[in-house]
């Protein structure tokens, strides 16, 4: 059906398929196939941007290193990751120090240059050894000289090592400890110029011999200055090591306030080593006896803090000393308690009746308030 409005508007509408089939049947013609719908108009192409210059290639990137596999917690070691440097063997080191000082005597005779670098390096090795182990300290505290080494070389080696220990105890840094130790190595070089008989009877010298003996600090300093030391503090320490707190020392009779601390340390150690190992035939004291003598006179000869430092390191009863307890038992000191020097660790070797124990037992006297030492026992004594 055609609408008049469509005719007016010029619009031709397609007939429905049913009507078209009926009309075709009347006319005797086949119905026309429906016209395909017109395809949608193509989309407009976007206007192309003007060509851009080709970008420069990016800089080459280094390949990241392959990540190392992370071990499981079970595979991790609980040990420290740093490596500990093993302590240098004390015995050959101490022997080397004694032999080095024995050569100093030859330098006095020949007048050759002094090997300052060699001695300072050797003393520094001793300082490192003492930081890592107490073996060198107890070796120097022993009273056995190296075969073929004269007394003064042995004595000065002992002074040097023990002074290094006391210096560490009172807070010296390593550089200052080395300086102190070098001074300890040379405190008595002047005695090599005096008759050896003076040393053997220091307590029985004539007035003239006493004056000669008391000149040895100045003689030592004269030689040290000839050898051009690296610092003047060394000279001062050697010159003053026989000065005492109440001004009763030599060679200048200085009061304690005028004496440098290094000289006080060397004087204290020199006294201790001289008591425990004097030149023959003078009688020697055992370590605890020497400490007792020093403690008795500490206010007259040495400042109390230094005596306490020596006491904390060496103890009245050093390791190896046989002691008797208030129970009558006999024990051997095996370790020193720094905070309780009179109450060391002791291995009980004999009971109160003097019978040797089949199985020695160890007791820390600092943890046993009712046990204490009544005195030392001579080797082989009961």
Protein backbone atom coordinates (compact mmCIF):
# COMPACT_ATOMS: atom_id res chain seq x y z
CA UNK A 1 0.00 0.00 0.00
CA UNK A 2 1.26 3.43 -1.01
CA UNK A 3 0.65 6.33 1.22
CA UNK A 4 -0.18 9.66 -0.29
CA UNK A 5 2.17 11.33 2.05
CA UNK A 6 5.01 9.18 0.76
CA UNK A 7 4.12 10.02 -2.84
CA UNK A 8 4.19 13.68 -2.00
CA UNK A 9 7.54 13.29 -0.25
CA UNK A 10 8.95 11.06 -3.04
CA UNK A 11 9.54 8.14 -0.73
CA UNK A 12 9.07 4.69 -2.10
CA UNK A 13 8.64 2.01 0.53
CA UNK A 14 9.25 -1.67 -0.15
CA UNK A 15 6.28 -3.90 0.09
CA UNK A 16 6.21 -6.55 2.68
CA UNK A 17 7.26 -9.95 1.45
CA UNK A 18 3.71 -11.36 1.73
CA UNK A 19 2.18 -8.55 -0.34
CA UNK A 20 4.94 -8.81 -2.92
CA UNK A 21 4.32 -12.52 -3.31
CA UNK A 22 0.58 -11.98 -3.78
CA UNK A 23 1.10 -9.34 -6.41
CA UNK A 24 3.57 -11.52 -8.25
CA UNK A 25 1.12 -14.37 -8.26
CA UNK A 26 -1.48 -12.13 -9.82
CA UNK A 27 0.91 -10.90 -12.45
CA UNK A 28 2.42 -14.34 -13.08
CA UNK A 29 5.96 -13.27 -12.29
CA UNK A 30 8.46 -14.42 -9.62
CA UNK A 31 8.92 -12.13 -6.72
CA UNK A 32 12.01 -9.97 -6.92
CA UNK A 33 14.79 -10.78 -4.52
CA UNK A 34 15.21 -8.26 -1.76
CA UNK A 35 17.89 -5.68 -2.38
CA UNK A 36 20.90 -5.98 -0.21
CA UNK A 37 21.36 -3.13 2.15
CA UNK A 38 24.08 -0.67 1.18
CA UNK A 39 27.37 -1.20 3.01
CA UNK A 40 28.23 1.45 5.54
CA UNK A 41 30.45 4.19 4.19
CA UNK A 42 34.14 3.61 4.90
CA UNK A 43 35.60 5.35 7.96
CA UNK A 44 37.85 8.23 7.11
CA UNK A 45 41.52 7.48 7.57
CA UNK A 46 43.26 9.61 10.12
CA UNK A 47 45.57 12.14 8.68
CA UNK A 48 49.11 10.81 9.15
CA UNK A 49 51.48 12.86 11.29
CA UNK A 50 54.57 14.15 9.56
CA UNK A 51 57.45 11.67 9.81
CA UNK A 52 59.59 12.04 12.92
CA UNK A 53 63.33 11.55 12.96
CA UNK A 54 64.37 8.10 14.08
CA UNK A 55 65.25 8.10 17.81
CA UNK A 56 68.87 7.45 18.73
CA UNK A 57 69.44 3.96 20.05
CA UNK A 58 69.48 3.71 23.89
CA UNK A 59 72.88 3.25 25.55
CA UNK A 60 73.82 -0.35 26.10
CA UNK A 61 72.77 -1.65 29.47
CA UNK A 62 75.18 -3.95 31.24
CA UNK A 63 73.64 -7.21 32.16
CA UNK A 64 73.03 -7.50 35.89
CA UNK A 65 75.25 -10.07 37.57
CA UNK A 66 73.56 -13.30 38.28
CA UNK A 67 72.32 -13.43 41.84
CA UNK A 68 74.12 -15.88 44.02
CA UNK A 69 71.93 -18.55 45.50
CA UNK A 70 70.95 -17.80 49.07
CA UNK A 71 71.68 -20.70 51.40
CA UNK A 72 68.98 -21.92 53.65
CA UNK A 73 69.09 -21.07 57.34
CA UNK A 74 69.98 -24.64 58.12
CA UNK A 75 73.08 -24.36 55.95
CA UNK A 76 74.33 -21.12 57.56
CA UNK A 77 77.25 -21.46 59.94
CA UNK A 78 76.91 -19.99 63.42
CA UNK A 79 80.66 -19.31 63.61
CA UNK A 80 81.95 -15.72 63.19
CA UNK A 81 82.52 -14.71 59.60
CA UNK A 82 85.77 -12.85 60.36
CA UNK A 83 89.11 -14.60 60.46
CA UNK A 84 91.07 -14.43 63.67
CA UNK A 85 94.80 -14.00 63.22
CA UNK A 86 96.53 -16.66 65.28
CA UNK A 87 98.79 -15.32 68.02
CA UNK A 88 102.50 -15.44 67.27
CA UNK A 89 104.29 -18.17 69.19
CA UNK A 90 105.57 -16.60 72.39
CA UNK A 91 108.74 -18.62 72.94
CA UNK A 92 110.58 -17.75 69.67
CA UNK A 93 109.34 -14.15 69.90
CA UNK A 94 110.73 -13.73 73.42
CA UNK A 95 114.00 -15.38 72.39
CA UNK A 96 114.27 -12.99 69.43
CA UNK A 97 113.78 -10.01 71.74
CA UNK A 98 116.54 -11.19 74.09
CA UNK A 99 118.95 -11.78 71.21
CA UNK A 100 118.18 -8.36 69.76
CA UNK A 101 119.01 -6.71 73.08
CA UNK A 102 122.17 -8.77 73.42
CA UNK A 103 123.35 -7.19 70.14
CA UNK A 104 122.90 -3.73 71.66
CA UNK A 105 125.89 -4.45 73.86
CA UNK A 106 127.99 -4.90 70.70
CA UNK A 107 126.74 -1.55 69.37
CA UNK A 108 128.23 0.15 72.43
CA UNK A 109 131.55 -1.48 71.63
CA UNK A 110 131.50 -0.86 67.85
CA UNK A 111 129.66 2.47 67.75
CA UNK A 112 127.44 1.30 64.86
CA UNK A 113 124.04 2.84 64.10
CA UNK A 114 121.14 1.70 66.24
CA UNK A 115 118.40 -0.36 64.51
CA UNK A 116 115.44 1.65 65.78
CA UNK A 117 113.02 0.35 63.14
CA UNK A 118 113.90 -3.26 63.91
CA UNK A 119 113.47 -2.84 67.67
CA UNK A 120 110.22 -0.91 67.36
CA UNK A 121 108.77 -3.54 65.02
CA UNK A 122 109.84 -6.29 67.41
CA UNK A 123 108.23 -4.54 70.38
CA UNK A 124 105.08 -3.96 68.34
CA UNK A 125 104.90 -7.70 67.63
CA UNK A 126 105.18 -8.30 71.37
CA UNK A 127 102.31 -5.86 71.97
CA UNK A 128 100.14 -7.69 69.42
CA UNK A 129 101.02 -11.05 70.97
CA UNK A 130 99.99 -9.81 74.42
CA UNK A 131 96.67 -8.58 73.02
CA UNK A 132 95.91 -12.05 71.69
CA UNK A 133 97.32 -14.26 74.43
CA UNK A 134 98.87 -14.11 77.90
CA UNK A 135 101.54 -16.66 77.00
CA UNK A 136 104.28 -14.09 76.39
CA UNK A 137 103.49 -12.35 79.66
CA UNK A 138 103.85 -15.50 81.74
CA UNK A 139 106.97 -16.46 79.84
CA UNK A 140 108.55 -13.11 80.71
CA UNK A 141 107.37 -13.52 84.29
CA UNK A 142 109.26 -16.79 84.43
CA UNK A 143 112.77 -16.74 85.91
CA UNK A 144 114.59 -18.72 83.25
CA UNK A 145 117.07 -16.89 81.01
CA UNK A 146 117.79 -17.89 77.43
CA UNK A 147 121.03 -19.86 77.17
CA UNK A 148 123.91 -17.71 75.98
CA UNK A 149 122.21 -14.37 76.72
CA UNK A 150 123.75 -12.18 79.40
CA UNK A 151 121.79 -11.01 82.40
CA UNK A 152 121.12 -7.42 81.31
CA UNK A 153 119.66 -8.43 77.94
CA UNK A 154 117.40 -10.94 79.70
CA UNK A 155 116.43 -8.43 82.40
CA UNK A 156 115.57 -5.66 79.93
CA UNK A 157 113.49 -8.06 77.81
CA UNK A 158 111.47 -8.95 80.92
CA UNK A 159 111.01 -5.28 81.80
CA UNK A 160 109.81 -4.49 78.28
CA UNK A 161 107.20 -7.26 78.13
CA UNK A 162 105.82 -6.68 81.64
CA UNK A 163 105.73 -2.92 81.02
CA UNK A 164 103.68 -3.51 77.85
CA UNK A 165 101.20 -5.45 79.97
CA UNK A 166 100.91 -2.78 82.65
CA UNK A 167 100.58 -0.08 79.97
CA UNK A 168 97.62 -1.93 78.50
CA UNK A 169 96.12 -2.38 81.97
CA UNK A 170 96.07 1.38 82.62
CA UNK A 171 94.69 2.28 79.18
CA UNK A 172 97.70 3.10 77.00
CA UNK A 173 96.99 2.83 73.27
CA UNK A 174 99.22 0.58 71.21
CA UNK A 175 101.53 3.33 69.95
CA UNK A 176 102.24 4.52 73.49
CA UNK A 177 102.71 0.96 74.72
CA UNK A 178 105.32 0.38 72.02
CA UNK A 179 107.12 3.56 73.07
CA UNK A 180 107.06 2.36 76.69
CA UNK A 181 108.29 -1.10 75.68
CA UNK A 182 111.20 0.31 73.67
CA UNK A 183 112.24 2.37 76.69
CA UNK A 184 112.06 -0.78 78.82
CA UNK A 185 114.44 -2.48 76.40
CA UNK A 186 117.09 0.18 77.02
CA UNK A 187 116.78 1.23 80.67
CA UNK A 188 120.07 -0.37 81.71
CA UNK A 189 122.31 -0.09 78.64
CA UNK A 190 124.58 2.17 80.71
CA UNK A 191 125.32 -0.71 83.07
CA UNK A 192 127.21 -2.45 80.25
CA UNK A 193 129.86 0.22 80.73
CA UNK A 194 130.30 -0.52 84.44
CA UNK A 195 132.01 -3.45 86.16
CA UNK A 196 129.74 -6.51 86.32
CA UNK A 197 130.62 -6.95 89.99
CA UNK A 198 128.46 -3.92 90.87
CA UNK A 199 125.31 -5.77 89.88
CA UNK A 200 126.15 -8.82 91.97
CA UNK A 201 126.35 -6.86 95.23
CA UNK A 202 124.15 -3.80 94.80
CA UNK A 203 123.14 -4.02 98.46
CA UNK A 204 126.75 -3.99 99.70
CA UNK A 205 128.49 -1.28 97.66
CA UNK A 206 131.00 1.18 99.02
CA UNK A 207 130.13 4.89 98.82
CA UNK A 208 132.32 5.25 95.71
CA UNK A 209 130.75 2.19 94.06
CA UNK A 210 127.29 3.43 94.99
CA UNK A 211 128.00 6.73 93.22
CA UNK A 212 129.24 4.84 90.18
CA UNK A 213 126.19 2.58 90.13
CA UNK A 214 123.81 5.53 90.43
CA UNK A 215 125.34 7.07 87.34
CA UNK A 216 124.00 4.38 85.03
CA UNK A 217 120.72 6.16 84.09
CA UNK A 218 122.76 9.09 82.77
CA UNK A 219 125.14 6.76 80.95
CA UNK A 220 122.18 5.01 79.35
CA UNK A 221 120.71 8.32 78.18
CA UNK A 222 124.06 9.41 76.71
CA UNK A 223 124.12 6.35 74.49
CA UNK A 224 120.47 6.65 73.52
CA UNK A 225 120.97 10.25 72.44
CA UNK A 226 123.99 9.21 70.39
CA UNK A 227 121.76 6.75 68.58
CA UNK A 228 119.24 9.54 67.73
CA UNK A 229 115.94 8.21 69.14
CA UNK A 230 112.69 9.03 67.40
CA UNK A 231 111.16 10.77 70.44
CA UNK A 232 112.47 12.56 73.53
CA UNK A 233 109.98 10.79 75.82
CA UNK A 234 112.15 7.68 75.57
CA UNK A 235 115.11 9.60 77.00
CA UNK A 236 113.05 11.01 79.87
CA UNK A 237 111.62 7.62 80.83
CA UNK A 238 115.05 5.97 80.93
CA UNK A 239 116.67 8.84 82.84
CA UNK A 240 113.96 8.91 85.54
CA UNK A 241 113.19 5.22 86.07
CA UNK A 242 115.08 5.14 89.41
CA UNK A 243 113.31 8.22 90.80
CA UNK A 244 110.80 7.55 93.60
CA UNK A 245 107.62 9.14 94.97
CA UNK A 246 109.19 10.73 98.06
CA UNK A 247 112.24 12.08 96.23
CA UNK A 248 114.55 9.35 97.54
CA UNK A 249 115.54 8.06 94.09
CA UNK A 250 118.39 8.91 91.75
CA UNK A 251 120.06 10.41 89.77
CA UNK A 252 118.19 13.72 90.33
CA UNK A 253 116.21 13.05 93.53
CA UNK A 254 112.95 14.19 91.87
CA UNK A 255 109.62 14.02 93.74
CA UNK A 256 106.87 11.90 92.24
CA UNK A 257 105.08 14.92 90.81
CA UNK A 258 108.09 15.69 88.61
CA UNK A 259 108.54 12.14 87.28
CA UNK A 260 106.86 11.05 84.05
CA UNK A 261 104.43 8.15 84.25
CA UNK A 262 106.42 5.95 81.84
CA UNK A 263 109.41 6.23 84.17
CA UNK A 264 107.24 5.23 87.15
CA UNK A 265 105.98 2.14 85.31
CA UNK A 266 109.51 1.16 84.29
CA UNK A 267 110.78 1.73 87.82
CA UNK A 268 108.07 -0.49 89.29
CA UNK A 269 108.69 -3.30 86.78
CA UNK A 270 112.46 -2.94 87.12
CA UNK A 271 112.10 -3.41 90.88
CA UNK A 272 109.82 -6.44 90.54
CA UNK A 273 112.02 -8.19 87.96
CA UNK A 274 115.15 -7.39 89.98
CA UNK A 275 113.62 -9.02 93.07
CA UNK A 276 112.39 -12.14 91.28
CA UNK A 277 115.52 -12.66 89.16
CA UNK A 278 118.57 -10.73 90.41
CA UNK A 279 122.02 -11.45 89.01
CA UNK A 280 123.80 -14.33 90.71
CA UNK A 281 124.63 -14.85 93.51
CA UNK A 282 122.02 -12.52 94.99
CA UNK A 283 119.04 -14.44 96.43
CA UNK A 284 115.79 -14.15 94.56
CA UNK A 285 112.24 -13.85 95.82
CA UNK A 286 109.29 -15.79 94.54
CA UNK A 287 106.73 -13.65 92.67
CA UNK A 288 104.29 -13.40 95.57
CA UNK A 289 107.12 -12.46 97.95
CA UNK A 290 108.32 -9.72 95.60
CA UNK A 291 104.77 -8.36 95.26
CA UNK A 292 104.43 -8.35 99.03
CA UNK A 293 107.64 -6.33 99.40
CA UNK A 294 106.42 -3.78 96.86
CA UNK A 295 102.98 -3.51 98.46
CA UNK A 296 104.53 -2.82 101.86
CA UNK A 297 106.43 0.19 100.54
CA UNK A 298 104.01 1.36 97.84
CA UNK A 299 103.33 4.76 99.41
CA UNK A 300 107.04 5.55 99.62
CA UNK A 301 108.29 4.19 96.31
CA UNK A 302 105.48 3.91 93.75
CA UNK A 303 101.99 5.37 93.16
CA UNK A 304 99.15 3.14 94.35
CA UNK A 305 97.32 2.89 90.98
CA UNK A 306 100.41 1.39 89.34
CA UNK A 307 100.94 -1.05 92.19
CA UNK A 308 97.30 -2.13 91.85
CA UNK A 309 97.76 -2.59 88.11
CA UNK A 310 100.80 -4.79 88.72
CA UNK A 311 98.92 -6.70 91.41
CA UNK A 312 95.96 -7.32 89.09
CA UNK A 313 98.24 -8.71 86.37
CA UNK A 314 100.74 -10.72 88.38
CA UNK A 315 98.87 -11.33 91.64
CA UNK A 316 100.38 -12.07 95.01
CA UNK A 317 99.89 -15.72 94.04
CA UNK A 318 100.68 -16.05 90.32
CA UNK A 319 99.80 -19.24 88.39
CA UNK A 320 101.91 -22.19 89.46
CA UNK A 321 102.22 -21.07 93.10
CA UNK A 322 101.49 -23.72 95.74
CA UNK A 323 99.25 -22.31 98.47
CA UNK A 324 97.70 -23.53 101.71
CA UNK A 325 94.03 -22.87 102.42
CA UNK A 326 92.41 -22.21 105.81
CA UNK A 327 91.07 -25.80 105.68
CA UNK A 328 94.64 -27.13 105.62
CA UNK A 329 94.31 -28.24 101.99
CA UNK A 330 97.10 -27.50 99.54
CA UNK A 331 96.41 -26.26 96.04
CA UNK A 332 98.19 -24.94 92.99
CA UNK A 333 97.06 -21.60 91.54
CA UNK A 334 95.81 -22.09 87.98
CA UNK A 335 94.41 -18.65 87.14
CA UNK A 336 94.30 -15.13 88.56
CA UNK A 337 91.07 -13.24 89.18
CA UNK A 338 91.79 -9.67 88.10
CA UNK A 339 89.08 -8.21 90.34
CA UNK A 340 90.06 -10.38 93.32
CA UNK A 341 93.85 -10.87 93.14
CA UNK A 342 93.98 -12.50 96.59
CA UNK A 343 91.34 -15.06 95.60
CA UNK A 344 92.61 -16.94 92.54
CA UNK A 345 91.39 -20.19 91.01
CA UNK A 346 93.08 -23.11 92.73
CA UNK A 347 93.43 -26.80 91.94
CA UNK A 348 93.34 -28.71 95.24
CA UNK A 349 96.10 -31.34 95.12
CA UNK A 350 96.31 -32.44 98.80
CA UNK A 351 93.77 -32.72 101.58
CA UNK A 352 93.97 -31.23 105.06
CA UNK A 353 96.15 -34.13 106.26
CA UNK A 354 98.67 -33.64 103.47
CA UNK A 355 97.55 -36.70 101.52
CA UNK A 356 97.71 -36.27 97.75
CA UNK A 357 94.27 -36.38 96.19
CA UNK A 358 93.62 -39.05 93.56
CA UNK A 359 91.43 -36.64 91.59
CA UNK A 360 92.36 -32.97 92.08
CA UNK A 361 89.43 -30.59 92.17
CA UNK A 362 89.38 -26.96 91.05
CA UNK A 363 87.91 -24.21 93.21
CA UNK A 364 87.43 -20.54 92.35
CA UNK A 365 88.11 -18.76 95.65
CA UNK A 366 86.27 -15.65 94.44
CA UNK A 367 83.10 -17.77 94.53
CA UNK A 368 83.90 -19.53 97.85
CA UNK A 369 83.63 -16.89 100.62
CA UNK A 370 84.55 -19.32 103.43
CA UNK A 371 87.79 -20.45 101.76
CA UNK A 372 90.93 -18.32 101.67
CA UNK A 373 94.69 -18.63 101.31
CA UNK A 374 96.76 -18.54 104.49
CA UNK A 375 100.14 -18.52 102.72
CA UNK A 376 102.38 -19.98 100.06
CA UNK A 377 103.91 -23.44 100.30
CA UNK A 378 107.42 -24.26 99.16
CA UNK A 379 107.70 -26.90 96.44
CA UNK A 380 107.77 -30.29 98.14
CA UNK A 381 106.46 -28.79 101.38
CA UNK A 382 103.33 -29.84 103.21
